[in-house]
N, C-alpha and C. Protein backbone atom coordinates (compact mmCIF):
# COMPACT_ATOMS: atom_id res chain seq x y z
N MET A 1 48.11 74.79 122.65
CA MET A 1 49.33 75.12 121.97
C MET A 1 50.13 73.84 121.74
N ASN A 2 50.94 73.89 120.71
CA ASN A 2 51.75 72.72 120.40
C ASN A 2 53.19 72.93 120.87
N PHE A 3 54.09 72.06 120.45
CA PHE A 3 55.45 72.01 120.98
C PHE A 3 56.16 73.37 121.00
N LEU A 4 56.15 74.07 119.88
CA LEU A 4 56.94 75.30 119.79
C LEU A 4 56.48 76.33 120.82
N ALA A 5 55.20 76.54 120.93
CA ALA A 5 54.68 77.52 121.89
C ALA A 5 55.00 77.10 123.32
N HIS A 6 54.83 75.83 123.62
CA HIS A 6 55.13 75.36 124.98
C HIS A 6 56.60 75.60 125.33
N ILE A 7 57.48 75.32 124.40
CA ILE A 7 58.91 75.53 124.65
C ILE A 7 59.20 77.02 124.81
N PHE A 8 58.69 77.81 123.89
CA PHE A 8 58.94 79.26 123.92
C PHE A 8 58.43 79.90 125.21
N LEU A 9 57.26 79.52 125.64
CA LEU A 9 56.66 80.12 126.83
C LEU A 9 57.37 79.73 128.12
N SER A 10 58.29 78.78 128.04
CA SER A 10 59.02 78.32 129.21
C SER A 10 60.17 79.23 129.61
N GLY A 11 60.47 80.23 128.81
CA GLY A 11 61.57 81.12 129.15
C GLY A 11 62.92 80.50 128.86
N ASP A 12 63.91 80.81 129.69
CA ASP A 12 65.29 80.41 129.41
C ASP A 12 65.76 79.16 130.15
N ASP A 13 64.98 78.66 131.07
CA ASP A 13 65.38 77.49 131.86
C ASP A 13 65.29 76.23 131.00
N GLU A 14 66.46 75.63 130.73
CA GLU A 14 66.55 74.47 129.85
C GLU A 14 65.67 73.31 130.31
N LEU A 15 65.73 72.97 131.59
CA LEU A 15 64.96 71.84 132.09
C LEU A 15 63.47 72.16 132.15
N LEU A 16 63.12 73.40 132.44
CA LEU A 16 61.71 73.79 132.43
C LEU A 16 61.15 73.62 131.02
N LYS A 17 61.93 74.01 130.00
CA LYS A 17 61.52 73.82 128.61
C LYS A 17 61.28 72.34 128.31
N ILE A 18 62.20 71.50 128.76
CA ILE A 18 62.07 70.06 128.51
C ILE A 18 60.83 69.52 129.20
N GLY A 19 60.60 69.92 130.43
CA GLY A 19 59.40 69.47 131.15
C GLY A 19 58.13 69.89 130.44
N ASN A 20 58.09 71.13 129.97
CA ASN A 20 56.91 71.63 129.26
C ASN A 20 56.72 70.86 127.95
N PHE A 21 57.83 70.55 127.28
CA PHE A 21 57.79 69.83 126.02
C PHE A 21 57.26 68.40 126.19
N MET A 22 57.70 67.71 127.22
CA MET A 22 57.35 66.28 127.33
C MET A 22 56.15 66.01 128.23
N ALA A 23 55.47 67.05 128.67
CA ALA A 23 54.41 66.91 129.68
C ALA A 23 53.23 66.06 129.24
N ASP A 24 52.89 66.06 127.96
CA ASP A 24 51.71 65.30 127.52
C ASP A 24 51.82 63.82 127.86
N GLY A 25 53.02 63.31 127.91
CA GLY A 25 53.20 61.89 128.20
C GLY A 25 53.32 61.56 129.68
N ILE A 26 53.20 62.55 130.54
CA ILE A 26 53.36 62.35 131.98
C ILE A 26 51.98 62.44 132.63
N ARG A 27 51.53 61.37 133.21
CA ARG A 27 50.18 61.31 133.80
C ARG A 27 50.20 61.57 135.29
N GLY A 28 49.13 62.17 135.76
CA GLY A 28 48.92 62.36 137.19
C GLY A 28 50.11 62.97 137.90
N LYS A 29 50.51 62.31 138.98
CA LYS A 29 51.63 62.81 139.79
C LYS A 29 52.96 62.17 139.42
N GLN A 30 53.01 61.49 138.28
CA GLN A 30 54.28 60.92 137.82
C GLN A 30 55.36 61.99 137.69
N TYR A 31 54.93 63.23 137.47
CA TYR A 31 55.90 64.31 137.29
C TYR A 31 56.79 64.51 138.52
N GLU A 32 56.34 64.05 139.68
CA GLU A 32 57.10 64.25 140.91
C GLU A 32 58.40 63.44 140.93
N HIS A 33 58.58 62.53 139.98
CA HIS A 33 59.79 61.71 139.90
C HIS A 33 60.91 62.42 139.12
N PHE A 34 60.62 63.59 138.59
CA PHE A 34 61.59 64.33 137.78
C PHE A 34 62.22 65.45 138.60
N PRO A 35 63.37 65.98 138.13
CA PRO A 35 63.98 67.14 138.80
C PRO A 35 62.99 68.31 138.89
N LEU A 36 63.20 69.18 139.85
CA LEU A 36 62.26 70.26 140.15
C LEU A 36 61.94 71.15 138.95
N SER A 37 62.95 71.54 138.17
CA SER A 37 62.68 72.40 137.01
C SER A 37 61.81 71.70 135.98
N ILE A 38 62.00 70.40 135.81
CA ILE A 38 61.15 69.64 134.88
C ILE A 38 59.73 69.57 135.44
N GLN A 39 59.61 69.38 136.75
CA GLN A 39 58.27 69.40 137.37
C GLN A 39 57.56 70.72 137.10
N LYS A 40 58.30 71.81 137.23
CA LYS A 40 57.70 73.13 136.96
C LYS A 40 57.25 73.23 135.51
N GLY A 41 58.05 72.70 134.60
CA GLY A 41 57.68 72.72 133.19
C GLY A 41 56.42 71.92 132.92
N ILE A 42 56.28 70.79 133.58
CA ILE A 42 55.08 69.95 133.41
C ILE A 42 53.87 70.68 133.96
N ARG A 43 54.02 71.31 135.13
CA ARG A 43 52.89 72.05 135.70
C ARG A 43 52.53 73.26 134.83
N LEU A 44 53.55 73.91 134.27
CA LEU A 44 53.28 75.04 133.37
C LEU A 44 52.53 74.56 132.13
N HIS A 45 52.94 73.43 131.59
CA HIS A 45 52.27 72.85 130.42
C HIS A 45 50.78 72.62 130.71
N ARG A 46 50.50 72.06 131.84
CA ARG A 46 49.10 71.79 132.21
C ARG A 46 48.31 73.08 132.36
N PHE A 47 48.94 74.10 132.93
CA PHE A 47 48.28 75.40 133.04
C PHE A 47 47.98 75.96 131.65
N ILE A 48 48.97 75.92 130.76
CA ILE A 48 48.79 76.45 129.40
C ILE A 48 47.65 75.72 128.69
N ASP A 49 47.62 74.40 128.79
CA ASP A 49 46.56 73.62 128.14
C ASP A 49 45.18 73.99 128.68
N THR A 50 45.06 74.11 129.99
CA THR A 50 43.77 74.44 130.60
C THR A 50 43.33 75.84 130.19
N TYR A 51 44.26 76.78 130.26
CA TYR A 51 43.95 78.16 129.88
C TYR A 51 43.55 78.24 128.40
N THR A 52 44.30 77.57 127.55
CA THR A 52 44.04 77.58 126.11
C THR A 52 42.66 77.03 125.79
N ASP A 53 42.35 75.86 126.32
CA ASP A 53 41.08 75.20 126.01
C ASP A 53 39.87 76.02 126.43
N ALA A 54 40.03 76.86 127.45
CA ALA A 54 38.90 77.66 127.96
C ALA A 54 38.83 79.05 127.33
N HIS A 55 39.85 79.45 126.60
CA HIS A 55 39.90 80.82 126.08
C HIS A 55 38.89 81.02 124.94
N PRO A 56 38.08 82.07 124.98
CA PRO A 56 37.05 82.27 123.96
C PRO A 56 37.60 82.42 122.54
N VAL A 57 38.77 82.99 122.38
CA VAL A 57 39.33 83.16 121.04
C VAL A 57 39.78 81.80 120.49
N PHE A 58 40.41 81.00 121.32
CA PHE A 58 40.81 79.65 120.89
C PHE A 58 39.56 78.84 120.54
N ARG A 59 38.53 78.96 121.35
CA ARG A 59 37.29 78.23 121.10
C ARG A 59 36.64 78.68 119.78
N LYS A 60 36.76 79.95 119.48
CA LYS A 60 36.24 80.45 118.20
C LYS A 60 36.98 79.78 117.04
N SER A 61 38.29 79.66 117.16
CA SER A 61 39.08 78.98 116.12
C SER A 61 38.66 77.52 115.98
N THR A 62 38.47 76.84 117.10
CA THR A 62 38.11 75.42 117.02
C THR A 62 36.70 75.23 116.46
N GLN A 63 35.81 76.16 116.75
CA GLN A 63 34.43 76.04 116.24
C GLN A 63 34.40 76.06 114.71
N ARG A 64 35.34 76.76 114.11
CA ARG A 64 35.41 76.81 112.65
C ARG A 64 35.70 75.42 112.07
N LEU A 65 36.31 74.56 112.86
CA LEU A 65 36.72 73.23 112.38
C LEU A 65 35.88 72.09 112.94
N HIS A 66 35.10 72.38 113.96
CA HIS A 66 34.46 71.31 114.74
C HIS A 66 33.54 70.42 113.92
N SER A 67 32.77 70.98 113.03
CA SER A 67 31.80 70.15 112.30
C SER A 67 32.48 69.08 111.45
N LYS A 68 33.68 69.36 111.00
CA LYS A 68 34.39 68.41 110.13
C LYS A 68 35.37 67.52 110.90
N TYR A 69 36.00 68.07 111.95
CA TYR A 69 37.08 67.34 112.62
C TYR A 69 36.75 66.97 114.07
N HIS A 70 35.60 67.37 114.53
CA HIS A 70 35.08 67.00 115.85
C HIS A 70 36.10 67.25 116.96
N HIS A 71 36.37 66.23 117.79
CA HIS A 71 37.24 66.45 118.95
C HIS A 71 38.71 66.65 118.58
N TYR A 72 39.06 66.52 117.32
CA TYR A 72 40.42 66.80 116.88
C TYR A 72 40.62 68.28 116.56
N ALA A 73 39.55 69.06 116.56
CA ALA A 73 39.65 70.48 116.19
C ALA A 73 40.65 71.23 117.07
N GLY A 74 40.66 70.95 118.36
CA GLY A 74 41.59 71.63 119.26
C GLY A 74 43.04 71.29 118.95
N VAL A 75 43.31 70.04 118.65
CA VAL A 75 44.67 69.60 118.30
C VAL A 75 45.12 70.31 117.02
N ILE A 76 44.22 70.42 116.07
CA ILE A 76 44.53 71.07 114.80
C ILE A 76 44.83 72.55 115.03
N VAL A 77 44.00 73.22 115.80
CA VAL A 77 44.22 74.65 116.06
C VAL A 77 45.52 74.85 116.83
N ASP A 78 45.86 73.94 117.74
CA ASP A 78 47.17 74.01 118.42
C ASP A 78 48.30 74.10 117.39
N LEU A 79 48.23 73.27 116.37
CA LEU A 79 49.26 73.28 115.32
C LEU A 79 49.19 74.55 114.49
N PHE A 80 47.98 74.97 114.14
CA PHE A 80 47.84 76.22 113.38
C PHE A 80 48.48 77.37 114.14
N TYR A 81 48.23 77.43 115.44
CA TYR A 81 48.77 78.52 116.25
C TYR A 81 50.30 78.44 116.33
N ASP A 82 50.85 77.23 116.39
CA ASP A 82 52.31 77.10 116.35
C ASP A 82 52.85 77.59 115.00
N HIS A 83 52.09 77.38 113.94
CA HIS A 83 52.49 77.90 112.63
C HIS A 83 52.63 79.41 112.69
N PHE A 84 51.64 80.07 113.26
CA PHE A 84 51.69 81.54 113.30
C PHE A 84 52.79 82.04 114.23
N LEU A 85 53.08 81.32 115.28
CA LEU A 85 54.21 81.68 116.13
C LEU A 85 55.51 81.56 115.34
N ALA A 86 55.69 80.46 114.63
CA ALA A 86 56.91 80.25 113.83
C ALA A 86 57.01 81.27 112.70
N LYS A 87 55.92 81.50 112.03
CA LYS A 87 55.90 82.44 110.90
C LYS A 87 56.25 83.86 111.35
N ASN A 88 55.77 84.24 112.51
CA ASN A 88 55.97 85.59 113.03
C ASN A 88 57.00 85.61 114.17
N TRP A 89 57.91 84.67 114.14
CA TRP A 89 58.86 84.46 115.24
C TRP A 89 59.58 85.74 115.65
N SER A 90 60.00 86.54 114.69
CA SER A 90 60.78 87.74 115.02
C SER A 90 59.96 88.77 115.80
N THR A 91 58.65 88.64 115.79
CA THR A 91 57.79 89.50 116.60
C THR A 91 57.92 89.15 118.08
N TYR A 92 58.21 87.88 118.35
CA TYR A 92 58.21 87.38 119.72
C TYR A 92 59.59 87.12 120.30
N SER A 93 60.59 86.98 119.44
CA SER A 93 61.92 86.62 119.92
C SER A 93 63.00 87.33 119.11
N ASP A 94 64.08 87.69 119.79
CA ASP A 94 65.24 88.28 119.11
C ASP A 94 66.14 87.20 118.51
N GLU A 95 65.96 85.97 118.97
CA GLU A 95 66.78 84.86 118.50
C GLU A 95 66.20 84.28 117.21
N ASN A 96 67.06 83.95 116.29
CA ASN A 96 66.66 83.31 115.04
C ASN A 96 65.99 81.97 115.34
N LEU A 97 64.90 81.66 114.66
CA LEU A 97 64.15 80.43 114.94
C LEU A 97 64.99 79.18 114.68
N GLU A 98 65.78 79.19 113.62
CA GLU A 98 66.61 78.02 113.32
C GLU A 98 67.61 77.77 114.45
N GLU A 99 68.24 78.82 114.94
CA GLU A 99 69.18 78.67 116.06
C GLU A 99 68.45 78.22 117.32
N TYR A 100 67.28 78.79 117.54
CA TYR A 100 66.49 78.45 118.72
C TYR A 100 66.14 76.96 118.74
N THR A 101 65.67 76.46 117.59
CA THR A 101 65.28 75.05 117.53
C THR A 101 66.50 74.14 117.67
N GLU A 102 67.62 74.51 117.05
CA GLU A 102 68.83 73.70 117.18
C GLU A 102 69.31 73.65 118.63
N THR A 103 69.23 74.78 119.30
CA THR A 103 69.61 74.82 120.72
C THR A 103 68.72 73.90 121.54
N PHE A 104 67.43 73.90 121.23
CA PHE A 104 66.52 73.03 121.98
C PHE A 104 66.81 71.56 121.68
N TYR A 105 67.04 71.22 120.42
CA TYR A 105 67.36 69.83 120.08
C TYR A 105 68.63 69.38 120.82
N GLN A 106 69.62 70.27 120.89
CA GLN A 106 70.85 69.92 121.61
C GLN A 106 70.57 69.73 123.10
N SER A 107 69.67 70.53 123.63
CA SER A 107 69.28 70.39 125.03
C SER A 107 68.66 69.02 125.28
N LEU A 108 67.84 68.55 124.34
CA LEU A 108 67.27 67.20 124.48
C LEU A 108 68.37 66.15 124.47
N ARG A 109 69.33 66.30 123.55
CA ARG A 109 70.44 65.34 123.50
C ARG A 109 71.24 65.36 124.80
N ASP A 110 71.52 66.56 125.30
CA ASP A 110 72.34 66.69 126.51
C ASP A 110 71.65 66.13 127.75
N ASN A 111 70.34 66.10 127.74
CA ASN A 111 69.57 65.66 128.91
C ASN A 111 68.82 64.35 128.64
N TYR A 112 69.32 63.59 127.69
CA TYR A 112 68.63 62.37 127.25
C TYR A 112 68.27 61.44 128.40
N ASP A 113 69.16 61.29 129.35
CA ASP A 113 68.95 60.33 130.44
C ASP A 113 67.74 60.64 131.31
N ILE A 114 67.33 61.89 131.35
CA ILE A 114 66.18 62.22 132.22
C ILE A 114 64.89 62.41 131.43
N LEU A 115 64.92 62.16 130.12
CA LEU A 115 63.71 62.27 129.32
C LEU A 115 62.77 61.10 129.58
N SER A 116 61.49 61.33 129.39
CA SER A 116 60.52 60.24 129.48
C SER A 116 60.75 59.28 128.31
N GLU A 117 60.30 58.06 128.46
CA GLU A 117 60.46 57.06 127.39
C GLU A 117 59.75 57.52 126.12
N ARG A 118 58.58 58.10 126.27
CA ARG A 118 57.83 58.59 125.11
C ARG A 118 58.65 59.65 124.35
N THR A 119 59.26 60.56 125.10
CA THR A 119 60.06 61.62 124.48
C THR A 119 61.29 61.03 123.80
N LYS A 120 61.93 60.06 124.43
CA LYS A 120 63.09 59.41 123.82
C LYS A 120 62.71 58.75 122.50
N GLY A 121 61.51 58.17 122.44
CA GLY A 121 61.07 57.51 121.22
C GLY A 121 60.74 58.49 120.10
N MET A 122 60.25 59.66 120.46
CA MET A 122 59.85 60.66 119.47
C MET A 122 61.02 61.51 119.00
N MET A 123 62.01 61.66 119.86
CA MET A 123 63.10 62.60 119.62
C MET A 123 63.81 62.44 118.27
N PRO A 124 64.16 61.23 117.84
CA PRO A 124 64.86 61.11 116.55
C PRO A 124 64.05 61.67 115.38
N TYR A 125 62.74 61.46 115.39
CA TYR A 125 61.88 61.96 114.31
C TYR A 125 61.75 63.47 114.38
N LEU A 126 61.59 63.97 115.58
CA LEU A 126 61.49 65.42 115.81
C LEU A 126 62.70 66.13 115.22
N ILE A 127 63.88 65.60 115.53
CA ILE A 127 65.12 66.25 115.09
C ILE A 127 65.38 65.99 113.61
N GLU A 128 65.25 64.75 113.18
CA GLU A 128 65.55 64.41 111.78
C GLU A 128 64.68 65.21 110.82
N HIS A 129 63.40 65.36 111.14
CA HIS A 129 62.48 66.08 110.25
C HIS A 129 62.31 67.54 110.64
N ASN A 130 63.06 67.95 111.66
CA ASN A 130 63.06 69.34 112.12
C ASN A 130 61.65 69.89 112.26
N TRP A 131 60.85 69.19 113.04
CA TRP A 131 59.44 69.55 113.19
C TRP A 131 59.25 71.01 113.58
N LEU A 132 60.03 71.47 114.56
CA LEU A 132 59.79 72.81 115.09
C LEU A 132 60.00 73.88 114.02
N LEU A 133 61.04 73.75 113.22
CA LEU A 133 61.28 74.72 112.16
C LEU A 133 60.26 74.56 111.02
N SER A 134 59.81 73.33 110.80
CA SER A 134 58.86 73.08 109.70
C SER A 134 57.51 73.74 109.94
N TYR A 135 57.24 74.14 111.20
CA TYR A 135 55.98 74.82 111.49
C TYR A 135 55.86 76.16 110.76
N GLN A 136 56.96 76.69 110.25
CA GLN A 136 56.92 77.99 109.57
C GLN A 136 56.07 77.99 108.31
N THR A 137 55.94 76.86 107.66
CA THR A 137 55.23 76.82 106.38
C THR A 137 53.94 76.01 106.48
N VAL A 138 53.00 76.34 105.62
CA VAL A 138 51.75 75.58 105.55
C VAL A 138 52.06 74.14 105.15
N GLU A 139 53.04 73.96 104.27
CA GLU A 139 53.43 72.61 103.84
C GLU A 139 53.97 71.81 105.02
N GLY A 140 54.77 72.45 105.84
CA GLY A 140 55.31 71.78 107.03
C GLY A 140 54.20 71.37 107.98
N ILE A 141 53.24 72.25 108.19
CA ILE A 141 52.09 71.93 109.04
C ILE A 141 51.31 70.77 108.41
N GLY A 142 51.17 70.79 107.09
CA GLY A 142 50.47 69.71 106.40
C GLY A 142 51.13 68.36 106.62
N ARG A 143 52.47 68.33 106.59
CA ARG A 143 53.20 67.07 106.83
C ARG A 143 52.97 66.57 108.25
N ILE A 144 53.02 67.47 109.21
CA ILE A 144 52.79 67.08 110.61
C ILE A 144 51.36 66.56 110.78
N LEU A 145 50.40 67.24 110.18
CA LEU A 145 49.00 66.81 110.28
C LEU A 145 48.80 65.43 109.64
N THR A 146 49.49 65.18 108.53
CA THR A 146 49.40 63.87 107.88
C THR A 146 49.98 62.79 108.79
N GLN A 147 51.12 63.07 109.42
CA GLN A 147 51.72 62.10 110.34
C GLN A 147 50.79 61.81 111.52
N MET A 148 50.16 62.86 112.03
CA MET A 148 49.23 62.68 113.14
C MET A 148 48.00 61.89 112.69
N ASP A 149 47.53 62.17 111.49
CA ASP A 149 46.39 61.45 110.95
C ASP A 149 46.72 59.96 110.79
N ASN A 150 47.94 59.68 110.35
CA ASN A 150 48.37 58.28 110.22
C ASN A 150 48.31 57.56 111.56
N ARG A 151 48.67 58.27 112.64
CA ARG A 151 48.64 57.65 113.97
C ARG A 151 47.21 57.34 114.42
N THR A 152 46.23 58.05 113.87
CA THR A 152 44.83 57.76 114.20
C THR A 152 44.23 56.79 113.17
N LYS A 153 45.09 56.21 112.36
CA LYS A 153 44.65 55.32 111.27
C LYS A 153 43.67 56.05 110.34
N ASN A 154 43.97 57.34 110.12
CA ASN A 154 43.21 58.23 109.24
C ASN A 154 41.80 58.54 109.72
N ALA A 155 41.48 58.16 110.95
CA ALA A 155 40.14 58.43 111.49
C ALA A 155 39.90 59.92 111.71
N SER A 156 40.96 60.66 112.00
CA SER A 156 40.80 62.08 112.34
C SER A 156 40.62 62.96 111.11
N LYS A 157 41.10 62.50 109.97
CA LYS A 157 41.08 63.29 108.73
C LYS A 157 41.89 64.58 108.86
N MET A 158 42.78 64.64 109.85
CA MET A 158 43.58 65.85 110.07
C MET A 158 44.42 66.23 108.86
N ARG A 159 44.80 65.27 108.05
CA ARG A 159 45.64 65.55 106.89
C ARG A 159 44.99 66.57 105.96
N PHE A 160 43.67 66.68 106.01
CA PHE A 160 42.97 67.61 105.11
C PHE A 160 42.78 69.00 105.71
N SER A 161 43.08 69.15 106.98
CA SER A 161 42.75 70.40 107.66
C SER A 161 43.63 71.58 107.26
N SER A 162 44.75 71.31 106.61
CA SER A 162 45.55 72.44 106.13
C SER A 162 44.78 73.23 105.07
N ASN A 163 43.78 72.59 104.45
CA ASN A 163 42.91 73.32 103.51
C ASN A 163 42.17 74.45 104.22
N GLU A 164 41.70 74.17 105.43
CA GLU A 164 41.01 75.21 106.21
C GLU A 164 41.99 76.27 106.68
N LEU A 165 43.22 75.87 106.96
CA LEU A 165 44.23 76.86 107.34
C LEU A 165 44.40 77.87 106.21
N VAL A 166 44.49 77.38 104.99
CA VAL A 166 44.65 78.26 103.84
C VAL A 166 43.39 79.09 103.62
N GLU A 167 42.23 78.45 103.69
CA GLU A 167 40.97 79.13 103.41
C GLU A 167 40.68 80.26 104.42
N PHE A 168 40.98 80.02 105.68
CA PHE A 168 40.68 81.00 106.73
C PHE A 168 41.96 81.57 107.35
N TYR A 169 42.99 81.68 106.55
CA TYR A 169 44.30 82.09 107.06
C TYR A 169 44.25 83.41 107.83
N PRO A 170 43.67 84.47 107.28
CA PRO A 170 43.66 85.75 108.03
C PRO A 170 42.90 85.66 109.35
N GLU A 171 41.81 84.90 109.35
CA GLU A 171 41.02 84.76 110.58
C GLU A 171 41.81 84.02 111.66
N PHE A 172 42.43 82.90 111.28
CA PHE A 172 43.22 82.15 112.25
C PHE A 172 44.41 82.97 112.76
N GLU A 173 45.05 83.70 111.86
CA GLU A 173 46.21 84.49 112.28
C GLU A 173 45.80 85.60 113.25
N GLU A 174 44.71 86.27 112.96
CA GLU A 174 44.24 87.32 113.87
C GLU A 174 43.86 86.74 115.23
N GLU A 175 43.19 85.60 115.22
CA GLU A 175 42.81 84.95 116.48
C GLU A 175 44.04 84.54 117.28
N PHE A 176 45.03 83.98 116.58
CA PHE A 176 46.28 83.62 117.27
C PHE A 176 46.91 84.84 117.93
N THR A 177 47.00 85.93 117.21
CA THR A 177 47.67 87.13 117.72
C THR A 177 46.99 87.64 118.99
N ILE A 178 45.68 87.69 118.98
CA ILE A 178 44.93 88.13 120.16
C ILE A 178 45.13 87.15 121.31
N PHE A 179 44.94 85.88 121.02
CA PHE A 179 45.06 84.85 122.04
C PHE A 179 46.46 84.80 122.65
N PHE A 180 47.48 84.84 121.80
CA PHE A 180 48.84 84.63 122.29
C PHE A 180 49.29 85.76 123.20
N GLN A 181 48.83 86.96 122.94
CA GLN A 181 49.14 88.07 123.85
C GLN A 181 48.55 87.80 125.23
N ASP A 182 47.30 87.35 125.26
CA ASP A 182 46.66 87.00 126.54
C ASP A 182 47.42 85.88 127.23
N LEU A 183 47.77 84.86 126.47
CA LEU A 183 48.47 83.71 127.04
C LEU A 183 49.82 84.11 127.62
N GLN A 184 50.57 84.92 126.90
CA GLN A 184 51.88 85.35 127.40
C GLN A 184 51.73 86.08 128.74
N GLU A 185 50.73 86.93 128.85
CA GLU A 185 50.50 87.66 130.10
C GLU A 185 50.19 86.70 131.25
N GLN A 186 49.35 85.71 130.98
CA GLN A 186 48.99 84.74 132.02
C GLN A 186 50.16 83.85 132.41
N VAL A 187 50.97 83.48 131.43
CA VAL A 187 52.14 82.64 131.71
C VAL A 187 53.15 83.41 132.56
N THR A 188 53.32 84.69 132.30
CA THR A 188 54.23 85.51 133.11
C THR A 188 53.81 85.48 134.57
N ILE A 189 52.52 85.59 134.82
CA ILE A 189 52.00 85.52 136.19
C ILE A 189 52.22 84.13 136.78
N LYS A 190 51.88 83.10 136.00
CA LYS A 190 51.99 81.72 136.48
C LYS A 190 53.44 81.35 136.81
N MET A 191 54.38 81.82 136.00
CA MET A 191 55.79 81.48 136.22
C MET A 191 56.27 81.96 137.59
N GLN A 192 55.71 83.05 138.07
CA GLN A 192 56.09 83.57 139.39
C GLN A 192 55.54 82.70 140.51
N GLN A 193 54.52 81.90 140.20
CA GLN A 193 53.87 81.06 141.21
C GLN A 193 54.44 79.65 141.26
N LEU A 194 55.21 79.26 140.25
CA LEU A 194 55.72 77.89 140.18
C LEU A 194 56.83 77.65 141.20
């Protein structure tokens, strides 16, 4: 899952959301240097990633892309799944997506001092280009994929993968819906253990 799903699955705890959001840049036990709620968010993020990568429905989605995008297929499907979460937001949340993302951006600003350096560096672009809200459209996903492809010096060819999103849209959406229900159930259990 990508940023939006990680944040959403964190529930209402502001610091847990931040920890889940910035976890990719935290290696090993470095997370122990953060406040407890952020530590929980980082551990939750790791659980979500492990569960996602092993889930048969997620793997089915990645297999559709693997021959063309190889080890980037999982990253691409993470973004596709965030698209379907954003597109179908009202199915999962009573809060408007635009308000939700603005609240999260403000939370990042309010807690700037405890963010990781990587998160501090990414934050201006995230907010300026409103990445989380842009996930609602295929065009928004395409822009994010192009930016990610640029970071790989175009080696990943991710910029072209929105074509597969369009071509197999119903299949990816159905897979997301099945997978996300399973993931939500597992996260509910995991949150009680953190």
